[in-house]
Amino acid sequence: MKTIFSNLKLPQVNYLVFQNEDLNDKRVRNKIINEILKKLNFPVFVKPSNSGSSLGISKVCNESEILQALKKAQEIDQRILIEEGLEVREIECGIIGNSKLLTSDVGEVIYESDWYDYDSKYHSNNKIIIPADIDSEIAKEIKDIAIKSCRALNIFGFARVDFFIEKSSNKILLNEINTIPGFTKNSMFPMLWEASGLKIEQLVAKLVQISLDL
């Protein structure tokens, strides 16, 4: 996903990817750590590629924390993603459709923790703002990028596209696409669509219709 987005010049945070690396080999460890130090600025987030709900992710603030974070991520997936951490706002947009993709209103999650980890996602009183308090042109650009990114990966049916907005510059950064977004009454995806005029019962009916039209 990250490679495709890079080739399409879609805006992302700076990142590195490592796959099937033997972290027990000191030379391999040193190579990875040196590349992170050379190409990324702290803090960085070390993530397993195949995961969800922020499981296996670590925020790393200095060199001494890198190895432990890599091992934690590798317990979930041999593909490890390292991303440069920025001061950002968490922005999300829902997608539904087949040949024509529709976007929901853009929403924002405001959380009190240091970063949007598992506990803050499920055990905290986060504030959800839909529509997000952002300029209309920024919202339009987010929706355009959401559709473009889904088209690039041949994603249809439904998805939730997550973004960052860098606080210092208002720069939009594409984070990831969730192809199976949460669907409880407290989940962002149905909340985005309810704010856009589709109650959850109508949303389910719409998704059934979309699946029948495939």
N, C-alpha and C. Protein backbone atom coordinates (compact mmCIF):
# COMPACT_ATOMS: atom_id res chain seq x y z
N MET A 1 0.83 -1.19 0.00
CA MET A 1 0.00 0.00 0.00
C MET A 1 0.87 1.25 0.00
N LYS A 2 1.83 1.30 0.92
CA LYS A 2 2.70 2.47 1.02
C LYS A 2 3.47 2.69 -0.27
N THR A 3 3.94 1.61 -0.89
CA THR A 3 4.71 1.72 -2.12
C THR A 3 3.85 2.25 -3.25
N ILE A 4 2.63 1.76 -3.36
CA ILE A 4 1.72 2.25 -4.40
C ILE A 4 1.43 3.72 -4.19
N PHE A 5 1.14 4.10 -2.94
CA PHE A 5 0.87 5.51 -2.66
C PHE A 5 2.07 6.39 -2.99
N SER A 6 3.26 5.88 -2.70
CA SER A 6 4.48 6.64 -3.02
C SER A 6 4.62 6.85 -4.52
N ASN A 7 4.36 5.78 -5.29
CA ASN A 7 4.48 5.89 -6.74
C ASN A 7 3.47 6.85 -7.33
N LEU A 8 2.31 6.97 -6.67
CA LEU A 8 1.28 7.89 -7.13
C LEU A 8 1.47 9.29 -6.55
N LYS A 9 2.53 9.44 -5.74
CA LYS A 9 2.84 10.72 -5.10
C LYS A 9 1.70 11.23 -4.21
N LEU A 10 1.01 10.29 -3.56
CA LEU A 10 0.03 10.67 -2.56
C LEU A 10 0.77 11.01 -1.27
N PRO A 11 0.37 12.04 -0.56
CA PRO A 11 1.15 12.51 0.59
C PRO A 11 1.09 11.55 1.77
N GLN A 12 2.25 11.17 2.30
CA GLN A 12 2.36 10.29 3.45
C GLN A 12 3.47 10.79 4.37
N VAL A 13 3.50 10.28 5.60
CA VAL A 13 4.65 10.54 6.46
C VAL A 13 5.84 9.77 5.92
N ASN A 14 7.05 10.20 6.26
CA ASN A 14 8.24 9.45 5.87
C ASN A 14 8.23 8.08 6.56
N TYR A 15 8.67 7.05 5.83
CA TYR A 15 8.58 5.70 6.38
C TYR A 15 9.69 4.80 5.83
N LEU A 16 9.88 3.69 6.51
CA LEU A 16 10.76 2.61 6.08
C LEU A 16 10.02 1.29 6.27
N VAL A 17 10.38 0.28 5.48
CA VAL A 17 9.79 -1.05 5.60
C VAL A 17 10.89 -2.09 5.69
N PHE A 18 10.72 -3.04 6.60
CA PHE A 18 11.64 -4.17 6.72
C PHE A 18 10.83 -5.46 6.74
N GLN A 19 11.33 -6.50 6.09
CA GLN A 19 10.57 -7.75 5.99
C GLN A 19 11.50 -8.95 6.17
N ASN A 20 11.03 -9.90 6.99
CA ASN A 20 11.73 -11.17 7.20
C ASN A 20 13.19 -10.96 7.64
N GLU A 21 13.39 -10.03 8.54
CA GLU A 21 14.74 -9.75 9.05
C GLU A 21 14.99 -10.56 10.32
N ASP A 22 16.20 -11.09 10.46
CA ASP A 22 16.57 -11.88 11.63
C ASP A 22 17.09 -10.93 12.72
N LEU A 23 16.21 -10.61 13.66
CA LEU A 23 16.59 -9.66 14.70
C LEU A 23 17.55 -10.25 15.72
N ASN A 24 17.78 -11.55 15.65
CA ASN A 24 18.78 -12.17 16.53
C ASN A 24 20.20 -12.00 16.01
N ASP A 25 20.30 -11.60 14.76
CA ASP A 25 21.60 -11.37 14.13
C ASP A 25 22.02 -9.92 14.41
N LYS A 26 23.10 -9.76 15.13
CA LYS A 26 23.53 -8.43 15.55
C LYS A 26 23.80 -7.53 14.35
N ARG A 27 24.37 -8.08 13.30
CA ARG A 27 24.68 -7.27 12.12
C ARG A 27 23.39 -6.76 11.45
N VAL A 28 22.37 -7.63 11.41
CA VAL A 28 21.08 -7.23 10.84
C VAL A 28 20.45 -6.14 11.70
N ARG A 29 20.48 -6.35 13.01
CA ARG A 29 19.92 -5.35 13.93
C ARG A 29 20.58 -3.99 13.73
N ASN A 30 21.88 -3.99 13.67
CA ASN A 30 22.61 -2.73 13.52
C ASN A 30 22.29 -2.05 12.19
N LYS A 31 22.14 -2.87 11.15
CA LYS A 31 21.80 -2.31 9.83
C LYS A 31 20.45 -1.60 9.87
N ILE A 32 19.45 -2.25 10.49
CA ILE A 32 18.11 -1.67 10.57
C ILE A 32 18.12 -0.40 11.41
N ILE A 33 18.75 -0.47 12.57
CA ILE A 33 18.79 0.68 13.47
C ILE A 33 19.51 1.86 12.82
N ASN A 34 20.61 1.58 12.15
CA ASN A 34 21.36 2.66 11.49
C ASN A 34 20.54 3.31 10.38
N GLU A 35 19.77 2.50 9.67
CA GLU A 35 18.95 3.06 8.59
C GLU A 35 17.84 3.94 9.15
N ILE A 36 17.25 3.50 10.26
CA ILE A 36 16.22 4.32 10.91
C ILE A 36 16.81 5.65 11.37
N LEU A 37 17.97 5.59 12.02
CA LEU A 37 18.61 6.80 12.52
C LEU A 37 18.99 7.74 11.39
N LYS A 38 19.36 7.18 10.26
CA LYS A 38 19.82 7.97 9.12
C LYS A 38 18.66 8.64 8.39
N LYS A 39 17.53 7.95 8.27
CA LYS A 39 16.47 8.41 7.36
C LYS A 39 15.24 9.00 8.04
N LEU A 40 15.06 8.74 9.34
CA LEU A 40 13.87 9.22 10.03
C LEU A 40 14.23 10.02 11.27
N ASN A 41 13.36 10.90 11.66
CA ASN A 41 13.54 11.69 12.87
C ASN A 41 12.65 11.16 13.98
N PHE A 42 13.16 11.18 15.21
CA PHE A 42 12.35 10.77 16.37
C PHE A 42 11.32 11.84 16.68
N PRO A 43 10.16 11.39 17.23
CA PRO A 43 9.80 10.01 17.52
C PRO A 43 9.39 9.27 16.25
N VAL A 44 9.50 7.94 16.29
CA VAL A 44 9.00 7.11 15.20
C VAL A 44 8.01 6.10 15.77
N PHE A 45 7.13 5.62 14.92
CA PHE A 45 6.20 4.57 15.30
C PHE A 45 6.59 3.29 14.57
N VAL A 46 6.77 2.23 15.34
CA VAL A 46 7.13 0.92 14.79
C VAL A 46 5.87 0.06 14.79
N LYS A 47 5.49 -0.42 13.60
CA LYS A 47 4.21 -1.09 13.45
C LYS A 47 4.35 -2.44 12.74
N PRO A 48 3.60 -3.45 13.18
CA PRO A 48 3.45 -4.64 12.34
C PRO A 48 2.53 -4.29 11.17
N SER A 49 2.86 -4.77 9.98
CA SER A 49 2.05 -4.42 8.82
C SER A 49 0.65 -5.00 8.92
N ASN A 50 0.56 -6.25 9.35
CA ASN A 50 -0.73 -6.95 9.39
C ASN A 50 -1.26 -6.96 10.81
N SER A 51 -2.01 -5.91 11.15
CA SER A 51 -2.54 -5.80 12.50
C SER A 51 -3.73 -4.87 12.47
N GLY A 52 -4.29 -4.58 13.64
CA GLY A 52 -5.39 -3.65 13.74
C GLY A 52 -5.52 -3.14 15.15
N SER A 53 -6.29 -2.07 15.33
CA SER A 53 -6.55 -1.48 16.65
C SER A 53 -5.27 -1.07 17.37
N SER A 54 -4.23 -0.77 16.61
CA SER A 54 -2.93 -0.32 17.14
C SER A 54 -2.18 -1.40 17.92
N LEU A 55 -2.59 -2.67 17.79
CA LEU A 55 -1.89 -3.75 18.49
C LEU A 55 -0.50 -3.94 17.90
N GLY A 56 0.49 -4.09 18.76
CA GLY A 56 1.86 -4.31 18.32
C GLY A 56 2.62 -3.06 17.96
N ILE A 57 1.99 -1.91 18.10
CA ILE A 57 2.64 -0.64 17.73
C ILE A 57 3.34 -0.03 18.94
N SER A 58 4.51 0.54 18.69
CA SER A 58 5.26 1.23 19.74
C SER A 58 5.66 2.62 19.27
N LYS A 59 5.57 3.57 20.18
CA LYS A 59 6.15 4.89 19.92
C LYS A 59 7.56 4.88 20.47
N VAL A 60 8.51 5.20 19.63
CA VAL A 60 9.93 5.12 19.98
C VAL A 60 10.52 6.53 19.95
N CYS A 61 11.13 6.91 21.06
CA CYS A 61 11.65 8.27 21.18
C CYS A 61 13.16 8.36 21.14
N ASN A 62 13.85 7.23 21.23
CA ASN A 62 15.31 7.26 21.15
C ASN A 62 15.84 5.91 20.69
N GLU A 63 17.13 5.87 20.37
CA GLU A 63 17.75 4.69 19.78
C GLU A 63 17.62 3.45 20.67
N SER A 64 17.69 3.63 21.98
CA SER A 64 17.68 2.48 22.89
C SER A 64 16.36 1.71 22.88
N GLU A 65 15.28 2.34 22.39
CA GLU A 65 13.96 1.70 22.39
C GLU A 65 13.64 0.97 21.09
N ILE A 66 14.50 1.11 20.09
CA ILE A 66 14.16 0.60 18.76
C ILE A 66 14.06 -0.92 18.74
N LEU A 67 15.06 -1.62 19.27
CA LEU A 67 15.10 -3.07 19.16
C LEU A 67 13.88 -3.72 19.81
N GLN A 68 13.53 -3.29 21.01
CA GLN A 68 12.37 -3.86 21.70
C GLN A 68 11.10 -3.64 20.88
N ALA A 69 10.97 -2.46 20.28
CA ALA A 69 9.80 -2.16 19.46
C ALA A 69 9.75 -3.04 18.22
N LEU A 70 10.90 -3.27 17.60
CA LEU A 70 10.96 -4.15 16.42
C LEU A 70 10.53 -5.57 16.78
N LYS A 71 11.02 -6.07 17.91
CA LYS A 71 10.66 -7.43 18.34
C LYS A 71 9.17 -7.53 18.65
N LYS A 72 8.62 -6.50 19.27
CA LYS A 72 7.18 -6.49 19.59
C LYS A 72 6.36 -6.55 18.31
N ALA A 73 6.74 -5.76 17.32
CA ALA A 73 6.02 -5.76 16.05
C ALA A 73 6.16 -7.09 15.32
N GLN A 74 7.35 -7.67 15.39
CA GLN A 74 7.61 -8.91 14.66
C GLN A 74 6.86 -10.11 15.25
N GLU A 75 6.40 -10.00 16.48
CA GLU A 75 5.58 -11.06 17.06
C GLU A 75 4.25 -11.18 16.32
N ILE A 76 3.83 -10.11 15.66
CA ILE A 76 2.55 -10.10 14.94
C ILE A 76 2.76 -10.29 13.45
N ASP A 77 3.78 -9.69 12.90
CA ASP A 77 4.02 -9.77 11.45
C ASP A 77 5.51 -9.61 11.16
N GLN A 78 6.01 -10.40 10.21
CA GLN A 78 7.40 -10.28 9.79
C GLN A 78 7.64 -9.02 8.97
N ARG A 79 6.57 -8.41 8.50
CA ARG A 79 6.69 -7.14 7.77
C ARG A 79 6.52 -6.01 8.78
N ILE A 80 7.54 -5.19 8.91
CA ILE A 80 7.53 -4.13 9.91
C ILE A 80 7.62 -2.78 9.21
N LEU A 81 6.76 -1.88 9.65
CA LEU A 81 6.71 -0.53 9.11
C LEU A 81 7.17 0.45 10.18
N ILE A 82 8.07 1.34 9.81
CA ILE A 82 8.51 2.40 10.72
C ILE A 82 8.14 3.74 10.11
N GLU A 83 7.38 4.52 10.85
CA GLU A 83 6.91 5.81 10.36
C GLU A 83 7.40 6.94 11.26
N GLU A 84 7.71 8.06 10.63
CA GLU A 84 8.11 9.25 11.37
C GLU A 84 6.91 9.84 12.08
N GLY A 85 7.05 10.12 13.36
CA GLY A 85 5.94 10.68 14.14
C GLY A 85 5.89 12.19 14.04
N LEU A 86 4.71 12.72 13.84
CA LEU A 86 4.50 14.16 13.76
C LEU A 86 3.39 14.57 14.72
N GLU A 87 3.26 15.86 14.97
CA GLU A 87 2.14 16.38 15.75
C GLU A 87 0.96 16.53 14.80
N VAL A 88 -0.04 15.65 14.95
CA VAL A 88 -1.09 15.60 13.94
C VAL A 88 -2.48 15.54 14.57
N ARG A 89 -3.47 15.82 13.73
CA ARG A 89 -4.87 15.56 14.04
C ARG A 89 -5.27 14.27 13.33
N GLU A 90 -6.12 13.46 13.96
CA GLU A 90 -6.59 12.19 13.39
C GLU A 90 -7.91 12.43 12.66
N ILE A 91 -7.87 12.22 11.34
CA ILE A 91 -9.01 12.50 10.49
C ILE A 91 -9.43 11.22 9.76
N GLU A 92 -10.75 11.01 9.61
CA GLU A 92 -11.23 9.78 8.98
C GLU A 92 -12.38 10.09 8.02
N CYS A 93 -12.47 9.24 6.97
CA CYS A 93 -13.49 9.43 5.95
C CYS A 93 -14.01 8.07 5.51
N GLY A 94 -15.33 7.92 5.43
CA GLY A 94 -15.93 6.66 5.00
C GLY A 94 -16.10 6.62 3.49
N ILE A 95 -16.02 5.40 2.94
CA ILE A 95 -16.18 5.17 1.50
C ILE A 95 -17.19 4.04 1.31
N ILE A 96 -18.14 4.20 0.38
CA ILE A 96 -18.99 3.10 -0.05
C ILE A 96 -19.17 3.19 -1.55
N GLY A 97 -19.47 2.03 -2.18
CA GLY A 97 -19.76 2.04 -3.61
C GLY A 97 -18.96 1.03 -4.39
N ASN A 98 -19.27 0.93 -5.68
CA ASN A 98 -18.56 0.03 -6.60
C ASN A 98 -17.93 0.85 -7.73
N SER A 99 -18.63 0.92 -8.85
CA SER A 99 -18.07 1.70 -9.97
C SER A 99 -17.98 3.17 -9.61
N LYS A 100 -18.92 3.62 -8.78
CA LYS A 100 -18.87 4.99 -8.27
C LYS A 100 -18.68 4.94 -6.76
N LEU A 101 -17.64 5.58 -6.26
CA LEU A 101 -17.38 5.61 -4.83
C LEU A 101 -17.92 6.90 -4.23
N LEU A 102 -18.60 6.76 -3.12
CA LEU A 102 -19.14 7.90 -2.40
C LEU A 102 -18.37 8.10 -1.10
N THR A 103 -18.20 9.35 -0.69
CA THR A 103 -17.50 9.66 0.54
C THR A 103 -18.48 10.21 1.57
N SER A 104 -18.23 9.86 2.82
CA SER A 104 -19.01 10.43 3.93
C SER A 104 -18.47 11.81 4.26
N ASP A 105 -19.11 12.47 5.21
CA ASP A 105 -18.49 13.65 5.80
C ASP A 105 -17.16 13.24 6.43
N VAL A 106 -16.28 14.19 6.58
CA VAL A 106 -14.98 13.95 7.20
C VAL A 106 -15.11 14.15 8.71
N GLY A 107 -14.58 13.20 9.49
CA GLY A 107 -14.65 13.30 10.94
C GLY A 107 -13.28 13.37 11.58
N GLU A 108 -13.25 13.81 12.83
CA GLU A 108 -12.00 13.89 13.59
C GLU A 108 -12.17 13.21 14.93
N VAL A 109 -11.12 12.49 15.36
CA VAL A 109 -11.06 11.90 16.68
C VAL A 109 -10.10 12.72 17.52
N ILE A 110 -10.59 13.21 18.66
CA ILE A 110 -9.73 13.96 19.58
C ILE A 110 -9.56 13.11 20.84
N TYR A 111 -8.32 12.83 21.20
CA TYR A 111 -8.03 11.93 22.32
C TYR A 111 -7.07 12.63 23.28
N GLU A 112 -7.08 12.16 24.52
CA GLU A 112 -6.27 12.80 25.55
C GLU A 112 -4.92 12.13 25.75
N SER A 113 -4.76 10.90 25.27
CA SER A 113 -3.50 10.18 25.48
C SER A 113 -2.40 10.75 24.58
N ASP A 114 -1.18 10.27 24.79
CA ASP A 114 -0.03 10.75 24.02
C ASP A 114 -0.19 10.45 22.54
N TRP A 115 -0.73 9.27 22.23
CA TRP A 115 -1.03 8.92 20.85
C TRP A 115 -2.22 7.97 20.83
N TYR A 116 -2.75 7.73 19.65
CA TYR A 116 -4.02 7.01 19.50
C TYR A 116 -3.77 5.50 19.55
N ASP A 117 -3.47 4.99 20.77
CA ASP A 117 -3.15 3.58 20.94
C ASP A 117 -4.41 2.78 21.26
N TYR A 118 -4.23 1.48 21.57
CA TYR A 118 -5.36 0.59 21.81
C TYR A 118 -6.24 1.10 22.94
N ASP A 119 -5.62 1.46 24.06
CA ASP A 119 -6.40 1.91 25.22
C ASP A 119 -7.20 3.17 24.90
N SER A 120 -6.59 4.09 24.19
CA SER A 120 -7.31 5.32 23.88
C SER A 120 -8.42 5.07 22.87
N LYS A 121 -8.30 4.02 22.07
CA LYS A 121 -9.35 3.70 21.10
C LYS A 121 -10.56 3.07 21.77
N TYR A 122 -10.31 2.26 22.81
CA TYR A 122 -11.40 1.44 23.35
C TYR A 122 -11.73 1.70 24.82
N HIS A 123 -10.84 2.36 25.55
CA HIS A 123 -11.06 2.54 26.98
C HIS A 123 -11.06 3.99 27.43
N SER A 124 -11.12 4.91 26.49
CA SER A 124 -11.08 6.33 26.84
C SER A 124 -12.31 7.04 26.31
N ASN A 125 -12.58 8.19 26.91
CA ASN A 125 -13.69 9.01 26.44
C ASN A 125 -13.18 9.97 25.38
N ASN A 126 -13.03 9.44 24.16
CA ASN A 126 -12.58 10.29 23.07
C ASN A 126 -13.72 11.19 22.59
N LYS A 127 -13.34 12.27 21.96
CA LYS A 127 -14.33 13.18 21.41
C LYS A 127 -14.36 13.01 19.90
N ILE A 128 -15.54 12.74 19.36
CA ILE A 128 -15.72 12.58 17.92
C ILE A 128 -16.41 13.82 17.39
N ILE A 129 -15.81 14.43 16.37
CA ILE A 129 -16.40 15.62 15.77
C ILE A 129 -16.68 15.34 14.29
N ILE A 130 -17.96 15.35 13.93
CA ILE A 130 -18.38 15.13 12.55
C ILE A 130 -19.43 16.19 12.19
N PRO A 131 -19.20 17.03 11.19
CA PRO A 131 -17.97 17.09 10.39
C PRO A 131 -16.82 17.71 11.17
N ALA A 132 -15.61 17.34 10.77
CA ALA A 132 -14.42 17.88 11.43
C ALA A 132 -14.34 19.39 11.22
N ASP A 133 -13.77 20.06 12.19
CA ASP A 133 -13.61 21.51 12.14
C ASP A 133 -12.38 21.86 11.29
N ILE A 134 -12.57 21.72 9.99
CA ILE A 134 -11.48 22.00 9.05
C ILE A 134 -12.04 22.82 7.89
N ASP A 135 -11.14 23.47 7.17
CA ASP A 135 -11.53 24.27 6.02
C ASP A 135 -12.19 23.39 4.96
N SER A 136 -13.20 23.94 4.27
CA SER A 136 -13.94 23.16 3.28
C SER A 136 -13.04 22.65 2.15
N GLU A 137 -12.02 23.41 1.79
CA GLU A 137 -11.11 22.98 0.73
C GLU A 137 -10.26 21.79 1.19
N ILE A 138 -9.87 21.81 2.47
CA ILE A 138 -9.11 20.67 3.01
C ILE A 138 -10.00 19.43 3.05
N ALA A 139 -11.26 19.60 3.46
CA ALA A 139 -12.19 18.47 3.48
C ALA A 139 -12.38 17.90 2.08
N LYS A 140 -12.50 18.76 1.09
CA LYS A 140 -12.66 18.31 -0.29
C LYS A 140 -11.44 17.53 -0.76
N GLU A 141 -10.25 18.03 -0.42
CA GLU A 141 -9.02 17.35 -0.83
C GLU A 141 -8.92 15.98 -0.16
N ILE A 142 -9.32 15.89 1.11
CA ILE A 142 -9.31 14.61 1.81
C ILE A 142 -10.23 13.62 1.12
N LYS A 143 -11.42 14.05 0.74
CA LYS A 143 -12.35 13.16 0.05
C LYS A 143 -11.79 12.71 -1.30
N ASP A 144 -11.17 13.63 -2.02
CA ASP A 144 -10.57 13.29 -3.32
C ASP A 144 -9.46 12.26 -3.16
N ILE A 145 -8.60 12.46 -2.16
CA ILE A 145 -7.50 11.52 -1.93
C ILE A 145 -8.05 10.17 -1.48
N ALA A 146 -9.12 10.19 -0.67
CA ALA A 146 -9.73 8.93 -0.21
C ALA A 146 -10.19 8.10 -1.39
N ILE A 147 -10.87 8.71 -2.34
CA ILE A 147 -11.34 7.98 -3.53
C ILE A 147 -10.15 7.53 -4.38
N LYS A 148 -9.19 8.42 -4.58
CA LYS A 148 -8.03 8.08 -5.40
C LYS A 148 -7.24 6.91 -4.81
N SER A 149 -7.09 6.89 -3.49
CA SER A 149 -6.32 5.82 -2.85
C SER A 149 -7.06 4.49 -2.94
N CYS A 150 -8.38 4.51 -2.79
CA CYS A 150 -9.16 3.27 -2.91
C CYS A 150 -9.12 2.75 -4.34
N ARG A 151 -9.22 3.63 -5.30
CA ARG A 151 -9.12 3.22 -6.70
C ARG A 151 -7.76 2.60 -7.00
N ALA A 152 -6.72 3.17 -6.41
CA ALA A 152 -5.37 2.67 -6.66
C ALA A 152 -5.20 1.23 -6.18
N LEU A 153 -5.90 0.87 -5.12
CA LEU A 153 -5.79 -0.47 -4.55
C LEU A 153 -6.96 -1.37 -4.93
N ASN A 154 -7.82 -0.88 -5.82
CA ASN A 154 -9.01 -1.63 -6.26
C ASN A 154 -9.90 -2.01 -5.08
N ILE A 155 -10.09 -1.05 -4.18
CA ILE A 155 -10.95 -1.25 -3.02
C ILE A 155 -12.34 -0.69 -3.33
N PHE A 156 -13.35 -1.50 -3.08
CA PHE A 156 -14.73 -1.06 -3.29
C PHE A 156 -15.61 -1.76 -2.27
N GLY A 157 -16.91 -1.46 -2.31
CA GLY A 157 -17.81 -1.99 -1.28
C GLY A 157 -17.90 -0.99 -0.15
N PHE A 158 -16.98 -1.13 0.80
CA PHE A 158 -16.91 -0.13 1.88
C PHE A 158 -15.52 -0.13 2.48
N ALA A 159 -15.14 0.98 3.04
CA ALA A 159 -13.83 1.13 3.67
C ALA A 159 -13.83 2.43 4.47
N ARG A 160 -12.84 2.56 5.34
CA ARG A 160 -12.61 3.82 6.05
C ARG A 160 -11.17 4.24 5.77
N VAL A 161 -11.02 5.45 5.29
CA VAL A 161 -9.69 5.96 4.94
C VAL A 161 -9.26 6.94 6.03
N ASP A 162 -8.09 6.67 6.60
CA ASP A 162 -7.60 7.47 7.73
C ASP A 162 -6.49 8.42 7.28
N PHE A 163 -6.54 9.62 7.81
CA PHE A 163 -5.59 10.67 7.44
C PHE A 163 -5.00 11.31 8.69
N PHE A 164 -3.89 11.98 8.49
CA PHE A 164 -3.36 12.93 9.47
C PHE A 164 -3.43 14.32 8.86
N ILE A 165 -3.63 15.31 9.69
CA ILE A 165 -3.37 16.69 9.31
C ILE A 165 -2.29 17.21 10.24
N GLU A 166 -1.15 17.56 9.68
CA GLU A 166 -0.05 18.06 10.51
C GLU A 166 -0.46 19.40 11.12
N LYS A 167 -0.34 19.50 12.44
CA LYS A 167 -0.84 20.67 13.15
C LYS A 167 -0.10 21.95 12.75
N SER A 168 1.19 21.84 12.52
CA SER A 168 1.99 23.03 12.27
C SER A 168 1.79 23.60 10.87
N SER A 169 1.42 22.74 9.92
CA SER A 169 1.36 23.17 8.52
C SER A 169 0.01 22.98 7.86
N ASN A 170 -0.91 22.24 8.51
CA ASN A 170 -2.19 21.86 7.90
C ASN A 170 -2.02 20.94 6.70
N LYS A 171 -0.86 20.33 6.58
CA LYS A 171 -0.61 19.41 5.46
C LYS A 171 -1.39 18.12 5.66
N ILE A 172 -2.05 17.66 4.60
CA ILE A 172 -2.80 16.41 4.63
C ILE A 172 -1.85 15.25 4.37
N LEU A 173 -1.95 14.20 5.19
CA LEU A 173 -1.11 13.01 5.03
C LEU A 173 -2.01 11.78 5.07
N LEU A 174 -1.94 10.97 4.04
CA LEU A 174 -2.72 9.74 3.98
C LEU A 174 -2.08 8.70 4.89
N ASN A 175 -2.84 8.17 5.84
CA ASN A 175 -2.31 7.20 6.79
C ASN A 175 -2.52 5.78 6.31
N GLU A 176 -3.78 5.33 6.22
CA GLU A 176 -4.05 3.97 5.81
C GLU A 176 -5.50 3.81 5.42
N ILE A 177 -5.80 2.66 4.79
CA ILE A 177 -7.17 2.30 4.45
C ILE A 177 -7.57 1.08 5.26
N ASN A 178 -8.68 1.19 5.97
CA ASN A 178 -9.23 0.06 6.72
C ASN A 178 -10.31 -0.59 5.87
N THR A 179 -10.04 -1.80 5.37
CA THR A 179 -10.98 -2.47 4.48
C THR A 179 -12.10 -3.17 5.24
N ILE A 180 -11.91 -3.41 6.53
CA ILE A 180 -12.97 -3.94 7.39
C ILE A 180 -13.09 -3.01 8.60
N PRO A 181 -13.68 -1.83 8.41
CA PRO A 181 -13.75 -0.88 9.53
C PRO A 181 -14.71 -1.36 10.61
N GLY A 182 -14.50 -0.88 11.82
CA GLY A 182 -15.39 -1.22 12.93
C GLY A 182 -16.83 -0.86 12.61
N PHE A 183 -17.79 -1.68 13.13
CA PHE A 183 -19.18 -1.47 12.74
C PHE A 183 -20.11 -1.60 13.94
N THR A 184 -19.65 -1.18 15.10
CA THR A 184 -20.53 -1.13 16.26
C THR A 184 -21.18 0.25 16.32
N LYS A 185 -22.09 0.43 17.26
CA LYS A 185 -22.76 1.73 17.38
C LYS A 185 -21.78 2.83 17.78
N ASN A 186 -20.63 2.43 18.35
CA ASN A 186 -19.63 3.41 18.77
C ASN A 186 -18.48 3.53 17.77
N SER A 187 -18.58 2.85 16.64
CA SER A 187 -17.50 2.86 15.66
C SER A 187 -17.61 4.07 14.74
N MET A 188 -16.46 4.51 14.27
CA MET A 188 -16.41 5.73 13.47
C MET A 188 -17.12 5.58 12.13
N PHE A 189 -17.01 4.43 11.49
CA PHE A 189 -17.58 4.27 10.15
C PHE A 189 -19.08 4.53 10.11
N PRO A 190 -19.89 3.82 10.93
CA PRO A 190 -21.33 4.13 10.90
C PRO A 190 -21.65 5.53 11.41
N MET A 191 -20.83 6.06 12.32
CA MET A 191 -21.07 7.42 12.80
C MET A 191 -20.84 8.44 11.68
N LEU A 192 -19.82 8.20 10.86
CA LEU A 192 -19.56 9.09 9.73
C LEU A 192 -20.74 9.11 8.77
N TRP A 193 -21.29 7.92 8.53
CA TRP A 193 -22.39 7.85 7.56
C TRP A 193 -23.70 8.36 8.13
N GLU A 194 -23.89 8.17 9.44
CA GLU A 194 -25.11 8.73 10.05
C GLU A 194 -25.09 10.25 9.96
N ALA A 195 -23.90 10.83 10.20
CA ALA A 195 -23.77 12.28 10.07
C ALA A 195 -23.95 12.73 8.63
N SER A 196 -23.76 11.80 7.70
CA SER A 196 -23.91 12.12 6.27
C SER A 196 -25.30 11.79 5.76
N GLY A 197 -26.20 11.35 6.67
CA GLY A 197 -27.59 11.14 6.28
C GLY A 197 -28.05 9.71 6.20
N LEU A 198 -27.17 8.73 6.52
CA LEU A 198 -27.55 7.32 6.48
C LEU A 198 -27.50 6.73 7.89
N LYS A 199 -28.65 6.48 8.47
CA LYS A 199 -28.68 5.78 9.76
C LYS A 199 -28.15 4.37 9.56
N ILE A 200 -27.74 3.71 10.64
CA ILE A 200 -27.04 2.44 10.51
C ILE A 200 -27.89 1.40 9.77
N GLU A 201 -29.22 1.39 9.98
CA GLU A 201 -30.07 0.44 9.27
C GLU A 201 -30.06 0.73 7.76
N GLN A 202 -30.09 2.00 7.41
CA GLN A 202 -30.03 2.39 6.01
C GLN A 202 -28.66 2.08 5.41
N LEU A 203 -27.63 2.26 6.21
CA LEU A 203 -26.27 1.96 5.76
C LEU A 203 -26.12 0.48 5.46
N VAL A 204 -26.62 -0.37 6.37
CA VAL A 204 -26.54 -1.82 6.14
C VAL A 204 -27.29 -2.20 4.86
N ALA A 205 -28.49 -1.64 4.69
CA ALA A 205 -29.26 -1.92 3.49
C ALA A 205 -28.51 -1.48 2.23
N LYS A 206 -27.87 -0.32 2.32
CA LYS A 206 -27.09 0.20 1.19
C LYS A 206 -25.92 -0.74 0.87
N LEU A 207 -25.24 -1.23 1.89
CA LEU A 207 -24.12 -2.13 1.66
C LEU A 207 -24.57 -3.46 1.08
N VAL A 208 -25.73 -3.95 1.52
CA VAL A 208 -26.29 -5.18 0.93
C VAL A 208 -26.56 -4.96 -0.55
N GLN A 209 -27.15 -3.83 -0.88
CA GLN A 209 -27.43 -3.52 -2.28
C GLN A 209 -26.15 -3.42 -3.09
N ILE A 210 -25.14 -2.79 -2.52
CA ILE A 210 -23.84 -2.67 -3.22
C ILE A 210 -23.27 -4.05 -3.49
N SER A 211 -23.37 -4.96 -2.50
CA SER A 211 -22.82 -6.31 -2.69
C SER A 211 -23.59 -7.09 -3.77
N LEU A 212 -24.90 -6.87 -3.84
CA LEU A 212 -25.72 -7.55 -4.85
C LEU A 212 -25.43 -7.02 -6.26
N ASP A 213 -24.93 -5.80 -6.32
CA ASP A 213 -24.63 -5.19 -7.62
C ASP A 213 -23.25 -5.56 -8.16
N LEU A 214 -22.47 -6.31 -7.38
CA LEU A 214 -21.12 -6.67 -7.83
C LEU A 214 -21.18 -7.57 -9.06
